[in-house]
Structures are given as C-alpha cells and as structure tokens.
Amino acid sequence: MTESGKPILYSYFRSSCSWRVRIALALKGIDYETVPINLIKDGGQQFSKDFQALNPMKQVPALKIDGITIHQSLAIIEYLEETRPTPRLLPQDPKKRASVRMISDLIAGGIQPLQNLSVLKQVEEEFQLTWAQNAIISGFNALEQILQSTAGTYCVGDEVTMADLCLVPQVANAERFKVDCTPYPTISSINKRLLVLEAFQVTHPCRQPDTPTELRA
C-alpha cells in the first residue's frame, strides 16, 4: 500500500495478465497506483533484484493490497472477489462458477503462457510468429466450442465474469500475432460486446501510464 493507502499494481501495459487485473480493479471501483515494470527495457525490469524480492517468479502482475502482495492474475482476481464482492465476477450458481473457472484456466494456463514472451524467447526468432499462432489457434478451437454451450451475452450467461476478463486480453494477443479470428464467431462477438464497456476501455493497453506514445489511443 502507498502512503495514501491505495493498492499498488505492478504492471506492464501490454501484459495480458496485468490487463485482467486492471479490469477487475476497474469493475470493482478500486482506486490504485500503477508501478510500471517494463518487460523489455534494460533486459527486462522484472529481473531486477528489487522486483524479484517482490515476486520470485519475476512476472507481472503483482498487487500490494491489504498488507500483502499477491502474484498470479487469477489469484489476485479471486482475492478481490472474496474481499470486495460487488459487483461479483464469479456466479452464485456452482455450475456456472465452475464454467467461469474452467474458461479462465483454459486461457490463463492453456493458451497465454504458450505464446508469452518468456516462452517465445526459447524459440528461434524466425519461428516465433508461427509458434504463437499455433498456440492461440489450438486454444481457440477448444474455447469456441466451449463457449457455444456456456455463453449468453458474455462468456458464461449474461453477467461479466472472470472468464471475460481473460478473454478480451487473449483476443488482443491473437490480433497482435495476426491470427484470423473469422473461424471463431462466438469468441469474436463476445469480445466485441465487452470492448464497449467502460472498464475494458479505460484499462486497455493503449491507455496505460507506460504505454509508448506511438501506441496510445
């Protein structure tokens, strides 16, 4: 916490994991301060001794709140849900809640890490784009099928949930890696509906304190 009592989010403008948390904070009306951690500059600021002391995994996001520091985006979102339950991001119905967690884990564990910067660095540069595209396409093939049975207005029914917080940043990744999303009409239509919501707009990577000038909206 800062002297003002605000939570501190250690974030990178383009990090999809950080974006998930920014959306949750916005939806729940939590005022916070951002400390940018540039994953590219100086060989990656996440590898500094100071940040490694904060998060031994050397990843963003990390959130200082209520006297503790939490790493991992879904753990952060679930903590916010348990301590600040309005508006809810996990449905009351156990079956719907399971679907939200399933979709969130599919994206956060089964798609995003495979096209993450740390993984792409292990792939020869000429194959990085194809690698990322294949990881996203494989995941989207499964996700599209799942959403056809769970979706209403959004990923699970008609309320914004943690699954939606994972979906929008991942679609942005797909677009950045030039994945054709035409074969995924359910994913695309949900994403379009979410992007008009204020919480998704104000937290967008093009509107962050550390967004480079050329990428600002």
C-alpha atoms as a PDB file:
ATOM      1  CA  MET A   1       0.000   0.000   0.000  1.00  0.00           C
ATOM      2  CA  THR A   2       1.145   3.556  -0.626  1.00  0.00           C
ATOM      3  CA  GLU A   3       1.172   6.299   1.985  1.00  0.00           C
ATOM      4  CA  SER A   4      -2.210   7.283   0.592  1.00  0.00           C
ATOM      5  CA  GLY A   5      -3.480   3.801   1.364  1.00  0.00           C
ATOM      6  CA  LYS A   6      -4.012   2.882  -2.263  1.00  0.00           C
ATOM      7  CA  PRO A   7      -3.142  -0.601  -3.517  1.00  0.00           C
ATOM      8  CA  ILE A   8      -0.137  -0.785  -5.851  1.00  0.00           C
ATOM      9  CA  LEU A   9      -0.300  -2.724  -9.108  1.00  0.00           C
ATOM     10  CA  TYR A  10       2.993  -3.693 -10.696  1.00  0.00           C
ATOM     11  CA  SER A  11       2.038  -3.893 -14.338  1.00  0.00           C
ATOM     12  CA  TYR A  12       3.194  -3.739 -17.958  1.00  0.00           C
ATOM     13  CA  PHE A  13       0.915  -2.055 -20.453  1.00  0.00           C
ATOM     14  CA  ARG A  14       0.965  -4.960 -22.928  1.00  0.00           C
ATOM     15  CA  SER A  15       0.799  -7.774 -20.381  1.00  0.00           C
ATOM     16  CA  SER A  16      -2.490  -9.625 -20.840  1.00  0.00           C
ATOM     17  CA  CYS A  17      -2.224 -10.973 -17.281  1.00  0.00           C
ATOM     18  CA  SER A  18      -1.921  -7.417 -15.961  1.00  0.00           C
ATOM     19  CA  TRP A  19      -4.861  -6.315 -18.108  1.00  0.00           C
ATOM     20  CA  ARG A  20      -7.081  -8.957 -16.475  1.00  0.00           C
ATOM     21  CA  VAL A  21      -6.344  -7.484 -13.075  1.00  0.00           C
ATOM     22  CA  ARG A  22      -6.782  -3.898 -14.255  1.00  0.00           C
ATOM     23  CA  ILE A  23     -10.270  -4.790 -15.495  1.00  0.00           C
ATOM     24  CA  ALA A  24     -11.187  -6.380 -12.163  1.00  0.00           C
ATOM     25  CA  LEU A  25      -9.969  -3.326 -10.247  1.00  0.00           C
ATOM     26  CA  ALA A  26     -11.933  -1.040 -12.560  1.00  0.00           C
ATOM     27  CA  LEU A  27     -15.142  -3.068 -12.343  1.00  0.00           C
ATOM     28  CA  LYS A  28     -14.959  -3.112  -8.559  1.00  0.00           C
ATOM     29  CA  GLY A  29     -14.172   0.599  -8.373  1.00  0.00           C
ATOM     30  CA  ILE A  30     -10.864   0.130  -6.571  1.00  0.00           C
ATOM     31  CA  ASP A  31      -8.542   3.108  -6.820  1.00  0.00           C
ATOM     32  CA  TYR A  32      -4.901   2.064  -7.152  1.00  0.00           C
ATOM     33  CA  GLU A  33      -1.496   3.247  -8.214  1.00  0.00           C
ATOM     34  CA  THR A  34       0.473   1.700 -11.079  1.00  0.00           C
ATOM     35  CA  VAL A  35       4.170   0.932 -10.925  1.00  0.00           C
ATOM     36  CA  PRO A  36       5.242   0.081 -14.487  1.00  0.00           C
ATOM     37  CA  ILE A  37       7.602  -2.862 -14.933  1.00  0.00           C
ATOM     38  CA  ASN A  38       8.995  -2.802 -18.469  1.00  0.00           C
ATOM     39  CA  LEU A  39       9.454  -6.401 -19.607  1.00  0.00           C
ATOM     40  CA  ILE A  40      11.746  -5.334 -22.475  1.00  0.00           C
ATOM     41  CA  LYS A  41      13.815  -2.373 -21.247  1.00  0.00           C
ATOM     42  CA  ASP A  42      17.180  -2.965 -19.557  1.00  0.00           C
ATOM     43  CA  GLY A  43      16.947  -6.662 -20.362  1.00  0.00           C
ATOM     44  CA  GLY A  44      13.629  -6.834 -18.528  1.00  0.00           C
ATOM     45  CA  GLN A  45      12.972  -4.879 -15.346  1.00  0.00           C
ATOM     46  CA  GLN A  46      11.210  -7.933 -13.905  1.00  0.00           C
ATOM     47  CA  PHE A  47      14.648  -9.484 -13.421  1.00  0.00           C
ATOM     48  CA  SER A  48      15.866  -6.723 -11.111  1.00  0.00           C
ATOM     49  CA  LYS A  49      16.730  -7.679  -7.532  1.00  0.00           C
ATOM     50  CA  ASP A  50      14.082  -5.350  -6.164  1.00  0.00           C
ATOM     51  CA  PHE A  51      11.295  -6.852  -8.226  1.00  0.00           C
ATOM     52  CA  GLN A  52      12.489 -10.414  -7.708  1.00  0.00           C
ATOM     53  CA  ALA A  53      12.218  -9.777  -3.957  1.00  0.00           C
ATOM     54  CA  LEU A  54       8.609  -8.730  -4.574  1.00  0.00           C
ATOM     55  CA  ASN A  55       7.797 -11.644  -6.887  1.00  0.00           C
ATOM     56  CA  PRO A  56      10.293 -14.525  -7.079  1.00  0.00           C
ATOM     57  CA  MET A  57       8.675 -15.682 -10.355  1.00  0.00           C
ATOM     58  CA  LYS A  58       9.798 -12.397 -11.936  1.00  0.00           C
ATOM     59  CA  GLN A  59       6.451 -11.837 -13.605  1.00  0.00           C
ATOM     60  CA  VAL A  60       3.721  -9.206 -13.689  1.00  0.00           C
ATOM     61  CA  PRO A  61       1.211  -8.551 -12.343  1.00  0.00           C
ATOM     62  CA  ALA A  62       1.811  -8.249  -8.629  1.00  0.00           C
ATOM     63  CA  LEU A  63      -0.632  -6.442  -6.382  1.00  0.00           C
ATOM     64  CA  LYS A  64       0.146  -4.950  -2.984  1.00  0.00           C
ATOM     65  CA  ILE A  65      -3.136  -4.718  -1.115  1.00  0.00           C
ATOM     66  CA  ASP A  66      -4.357  -5.094   2.463  1.00  0.00           C
ATOM     67  CA  GLY A  67      -0.815  -5.561   3.747  1.00  0.00           C
ATOM     68  CA  ILE A  68       0.022  -8.476   1.459  1.00  0.00           C
ATOM     69  CA  THR A  69       1.482  -8.952  -2.016  1.00  0.00           C
ATOM     70  CA  ILE A  70      -0.313 -11.305  -4.397  1.00  0.00           C
ATOM     71  CA  HIS A  71       1.103 -12.719  -7.627  1.00  0.00           C
ATOM     72  CA  GLN A  72      -0.721 -14.558 -10.436  1.00  0.00           C
ATOM     73  CA  SER A  73      -3.662 -12.800 -12.050  1.00  0.00           C
ATOM     74  CA  LEU A  74      -6.391 -15.312 -11.232  1.00  0.00           C
ATOM     75  CA  ALA A  75      -5.327 -15.484  -7.586  1.00  0.00           C
ATOM     76  CA  ILE A  76      -5.475 -11.685  -7.447  1.00  0.00           C
ATOM     77  CA  ILE A  77      -8.930 -11.594  -9.039  1.00  0.00           C
ATOM     78  CA  GLU A  78     -10.259 -14.285  -6.688  1.00  0.00           C
ATOM     79  CA  TYR A  79      -8.901 -12.369  -3.677  1.00  0.00           C
ATOM     80  CA  LEU A  80     -10.613  -9.205  -4.863  1.00  0.00           C
ATOM     81  CA  GLU A  81     -13.794 -11.212  -5.344  1.00  0.00           C
ATOM     82  CA  GLU A  82     -13.646 -12.583  -1.799  1.00  0.00           C
ATOM     83  CA  THR A  83     -12.822  -9.263  -0.130  1.00  0.00           C
ATOM     84  CA  ARG A  84     -14.758  -6.886  -2.370  1.00  0.00           C
ATOM     85  CA  PRO A  85     -17.618  -8.991  -3.757  1.00  0.00           C
ATOM     86  CA  THR A  86     -19.531  -6.240  -5.591  1.00  0.00           C
ATOM     87  CA  PRO A  87     -20.029  -6.497  -8.490  1.00  0.00           C
ATOM     88  CA  ARG A  88     -19.475 -10.220  -8.474  1.00  0.00           C
ATOM     89  CA  LEU A  89     -17.155 -11.794 -11.024  1.00  0.00           C
ATOM     90  CA  LEU A  90     -17.988 -15.375 -10.060  1.00  0.00           C
ATOM     91  CA  PRO A  91     -21.616 -16.513 -10.446  1.00  0.00           C
ATOM     92  CA  GLN A  92     -23.560 -17.701  -7.423  1.00  0.00           C
ATOM     93  CA  ASP A  93     -24.583 -20.899  -9.204  1.00  0.00           C
ATOM     94  CA  PRO A  94     -21.857 -23.552  -8.622  1.00  0.00           C
ATOM     95  CA  LYS A  95     -22.145 -24.965 -12.147  1.00  0.00           C
ATOM     96  CA  LYS A  96     -21.757 -21.557 -13.761  1.00  0.00           C
ATOM     97  CA  ARG A  97     -18.919 -20.762 -11.370  1.00  0.00           C
ATOM     98  CA  ALA A  98     -17.177 -23.949 -12.483  1.00  0.00           C
ATOM     99  CA  SER A  99     -17.590 -22.913 -16.118  1.00  0.00           C
ATOM    100  CA  VAL A 100     -16.074 -19.492 -15.381  1.00  0.00           C
ATOM    101  CA  ARG A 101     -13.069 -21.068 -13.689  1.00  0.00           C
ATOM    102  CA  MET A 102     -12.705 -23.637 -16.467  1.00  0.00           C
ATOM    103  CA  ILE A 103     -12.629 -20.970 -19.191  1.00  0.00           C
ATOM    104  CA  SER A 104     -10.331 -18.743 -17.152  1.00  0.00           C
ATOM    105  CA  ASP A 105      -7.889 -21.602 -16.570  1.00  0.00           C
ATOM    106  CA  LEU A 106      -8.040 -22.639 -20.218  1.00  0.00           C
ATOM    107  CA  ILE A 107      -6.906 -19.168 -21.284  1.00  0.00           C
ATOM    108  CA  ALA A 108      -4.571 -18.373 -18.381  1.00  0.00           C
ATOM    109  CA  GLY A 109      -2.971 -21.802 -18.296  1.00  0.00           C
ATOM    110  CA  GLY A 110      -3.536 -23.363 -21.711  1.00  0.00           C
ATOM    111  CA  ILE A 111      -3.137 -20.520 -24.228  1.00  0.00           C
ATOM    112  CA  GLN A 112      -1.458 -17.395 -22.899  1.00  0.00           C
ATOM    113  CA  PRO A 113       1.682 -18.978 -21.388  1.00  0.00           C
ATOM    114  CA  LEU A 114       2.481 -20.787 -24.650  1.00  0.00           C
ATOM    115  CA  GLN A 115       2.709 -17.501 -26.568  1.00  0.00           C
ATOM    116  CA  ASN A 116       4.199 -15.496 -23.718  1.00  0.00           C
ATOM    117  CA  LEU A 117       7.406 -13.505 -24.119  1.00  0.00           C
ATOM    118  CA  SER A 118       9.405 -15.838 -21.877  1.00  0.00           C
ATOM    119  CA  VAL A 119       8.439 -18.853 -23.998  1.00  0.00           C
ATOM    120  CA  LEU A 120       8.934 -17.133 -27.345  1.00  0.00           C
ATOM    121  CA  LYS A 121      12.490 -16.275 -26.313  1.00  0.00           C
ATOM    122  CA  GLN A 122      13.194 -20.011 -26.292  1.00  0.00           C
ATOM    123  CA  VAL A 123      12.059 -20.314 -29.925  1.00  0.00           C
ATOM    124  CA  GLU A 124      14.230 -19.271 -32.864  1.00  0.00           C
ATOM    125  CA  GLU A 125      13.159 -15.822 -33.999  1.00  0.00           C
ATOM    126  CA  GLU A 126      12.043 -16.903 -37.467  1.00  0.00           C
ATOM    127  CA  PHE A 127       9.594 -19.413 -35.940  1.00  0.00           C
ATOM    128  CA  GLN A 128       8.194 -17.258 -33.136  1.00  0.00           C
ATOM    129  CA  LEU A 129       5.156 -15.943 -35.008  1.00  0.00           C
ATOM    130  CA  THR A 130       4.128 -19.393 -36.207  1.00  0.00           C
ATOM    131  CA  TRP A 131       4.623 -20.814 -32.720  1.00  0.00           C
ATOM    132  CA  ALA A 132       2.413 -18.131 -31.158  1.00  0.00           C
ATOM    133  CA  GLN A 133      -0.244 -18.504 -33.832  1.00  0.00           C
ATOM    134  CA  ASN A 134      -0.390 -22.283 -33.408  1.00  0.00           C
ATOM    135  CA  ALA A 135      -0.728 -21.972 -29.623  1.00  0.00           C
ATOM    136  CA  ILE A 136      -3.585 -19.499 -29.938  1.00  0.00           C
ATOM    137  CA  ILE A 137      -5.388 -21.371 -32.718  1.00  0.00           C
ATOM    138  CA  SER A 138      -5.231 -24.648 -30.807  1.00  0.00           C
ATOM    139  CA  GLY A 139      -6.689 -22.979 -27.721  1.00  0.00           C
ATOM    140  CA  PHE A 140      -9.306 -21.007 -29.625  1.00  0.00           C
ATOM    141  CA  ASN A 141     -10.532 -24.165 -31.370  1.00  0.00           C
ATOM    142  CA  ALA A 142     -11.388 -25.586 -27.946  1.00  0.00           C
ATOM    143  CA  LEU A 143     -12.600 -22.308 -26.468  1.00  0.00           C
ATOM    144  CA  GLU A 144     -15.019 -21.593 -29.311  1.00  0.00           C
ATOM    145  CA  GLN A 145     -16.635 -24.987 -28.814  1.00  0.00           C
ATOM    146  CA  ILE A 146     -16.941 -24.500 -25.055  1.00  0.00           C
ATOM    147  CA  LEU A 147     -18.395 -21.007 -25.349  1.00  0.00           C
ATOM    148  CA  GLN A 148     -21.107 -22.227 -27.690  1.00  0.00           C
ATOM    149  CA  SER A 149     -22.581 -24.089 -24.710  1.00  0.00           C
ATOM    150  CA  THR A 150     -21.886 -21.550 -21.931  1.00  0.00           C
ATOM    151  CA  ALA A 151     -22.281 -18.118 -23.500  1.00  0.00           C
ATOM    152  CA  GLY A 152     -25.110 -15.678 -23.229  1.00  0.00           C
ATOM    153  CA  THR A 153     -24.254 -12.047 -23.700  1.00  0.00           C
ATOM    154  CA  TYR A 154     -20.810 -12.846 -22.324  1.00  0.00           C
ATOM    155  CA  CYS A 155     -18.693 -15.962 -21.748  1.00  0.00           C
ATOM    156  CA  VAL A 156     -20.966 -17.510 -19.126  1.00  0.00           C
ATOM    157  CA  GLY A 157     -24.511 -16.228 -19.207  1.00  0.00           C
ATOM    158  CA  ASP A 158     -25.341 -12.540 -19.233  1.00  0.00           C
ATOM    159  CA  GLU A 159     -23.088 -11.202 -16.461  1.00  0.00           C
ATOM    160  CA  VAL A 160     -19.451 -10.156 -16.846  1.00  0.00           C
ATOM    161  CA  THR A 161     -17.278 -12.724 -15.082  1.00  0.00           C
ATOM    162  CA  MET A 162     -13.632 -13.572 -14.545  1.00  0.00           C
ATOM    163  CA  ALA A 163     -13.769 -15.543 -17.802  1.00  0.00           C
ATOM    164  CA  ASP A 164     -14.470 -12.345 -19.726  1.00  0.00           C
ATOM    165  CA  LEU A 165     -11.527 -10.656 -18.027  1.00  0.00           C
ATOM    166  CA  CYS A 166      -9.349 -13.394 -19.503  1.00  0.00           C
ATOM    167  CA  LEU A 167     -10.983 -13.461 -22.933  1.00  0.00           C
ATOM    168  CA  VAL A 168     -10.504  -9.857 -24.037  1.00  0.00           C
ATOM    169  CA  PRO A 169      -6.727  -9.661 -23.444  1.00  0.00           C
ATOM    170  CA  GLN A 170      -6.266 -13.013 -25.167  1.00  0.00           C
ATOM    171  CA  VAL A 171      -8.175 -11.856 -28.252  1.00  0.00           C
ATOM    172  CA  ALA A 172      -5.928  -8.789 -28.298  1.00  0.00           C
ATOM    173  CA  ASN A 173      -2.935 -11.143 -28.258  1.00  0.00           C
ATOM    174  CA  ALA A 174      -4.439 -13.075 -31.152  1.00  0.00           C
ATOM    175  CA  GLU A 175      -4.804  -9.875 -33.140  1.00  0.00           C
ATOM    176  CA  ARG A 176      -1.238  -8.838 -32.314  1.00  0.00           C
ATOM    177  CA  PHE A 177       0.029 -12.181 -33.598  1.00  0.00           C
ATOM    178  CA  LYS A 178      -2.111 -11.843 -36.745  1.00  0.00           C
ATOM    179  CA  VAL A 179      -4.417 -14.774 -36.007  1.00  0.00           C
ATOM    180  CA  ASP A 180      -7.508 -14.844 -38.230  1.00  0.00           C
ATOM    181  CA  CYS A 181     -10.442 -14.835 -35.802  1.00  0.00           C
ATOM    182  CA  THR A 182     -13.071 -15.378 -38.506  1.00  0.00           C
ATOM    183  CA  PRO A 183     -13.426 -19.084 -37.568  1.00  0.00           C
ATOM    184  CA  TYR A 184     -14.339 -18.050 -34.010  1.00  0.00           C
ATOM    185  CA  PRO A 185     -17.635 -16.133 -34.237  1.00  0.00           C
ATOM    186  CA  THR A 186     -18.631 -16.730 -30.609  1.00  0.00           C
ATOM    187  CA  ILE A 187     -15.287 -15.527 -29.279  1.00  0.00           C
ATOM    188  CA  SER A 188     -15.370 -12.517 -31.604  1.00  0.00           C
ATOM    189  CA  SER A 189     -18.924 -11.450 -30.781  1.00  0.00           C
ATOM    190  CA  ILE A 190     -18.389 -11.694 -27.013  1.00  0.00           C
ATOM    191  CA  ASN A 191     -15.143  -9.749 -27.318  1.00  0.00           C
ATOM    192  CA  LYS A 192     -16.890  -7.020 -29.311  1.00  0.00           C
ATOM    193  CA  ARG A 193     -19.630  -6.651 -26.683  1.00  0.00           C
ATOM    194  CA  LEU A 194     -17.091  -6.471 -23.857  1.00  0.00           C
ATOM    195  CA  LEU A 195     -14.892  -3.858 -25.504  1.00  0.00           C
ATOM    196  CA  VAL A 196     -17.662  -1.250 -25.386  1.00  0.00           C
ATOM    197  CA  LEU A 197     -17.799  -1.472 -21.570  1.00  0.00           C
ATOM    198  CA  GLU A 198     -16.004   1.319 -19.744  1.00  0.00           C
ATOM    199  CA  ALA A 199     -13.924  -0.963 -17.530  1.00  0.00           C
ATOM    200  CA  PHE A 200     -12.448  -2.662 -20.573  1.00  0.00           C
ATOM    201  CA  GLN A 201     -11.798   0.641 -22.344  1.00  0.00           C
ATOM    202  CA  VAL A 202     -10.030   2.521 -19.530  1.00  0.00           C
ATOM    203  CA  THR A 203      -7.779  -0.473 -18.799  1.00  0.00           C
ATOM    204  CA  HIS A 204      -6.852  -1.075 -22.434  1.00  0.00           C
ATOM    205  CA  PRO A 205      -3.103  -1.312 -23.167  1.00  0.00           C
ATOM    206  CA  CYS A 206      -3.324   1.824 -25.311  1.00  0.00           C
ATOM    207  CA  ARG A 207      -4.348   3.904 -22.285  1.00  0.00           C
ATOM    208  CA  GLN A 208      -1.824   2.974 -19.583  1.00  0.00           C
ATOM    209  CA  PRO A 209       0.763   5.212 -17.889  1.00  0.00           C
ATOM    210  CA  ASP A 210       3.594   3.258 -19.506  1.00  0.00           C
ATOM    211  CA  THR A 211       2.050   2.993 -22.989  1.00  0.00           C
ATOM    212  CA  PRO A 212       4.561   4.286 -25.571  1.00  0.00           C
ATOM    213  CA  THR A 213       3.408   7.437 -27.324  1.00  0.00           C
ATOM    214  CA  GLU A 214       3.142   5.741 -30.720  1.00  0.00           C
ATOM    215  CA  LEU A 215       0.743   3.115 -29.313  1.00  0.00           C
ATOM    216  CA  ARG A 216      -1.547   5.472 -27.418  1.00  0.00           C
ATOM    217  CA  ALA A 217      -5.170   5.805 -28.429  1.00  0.00           C
END
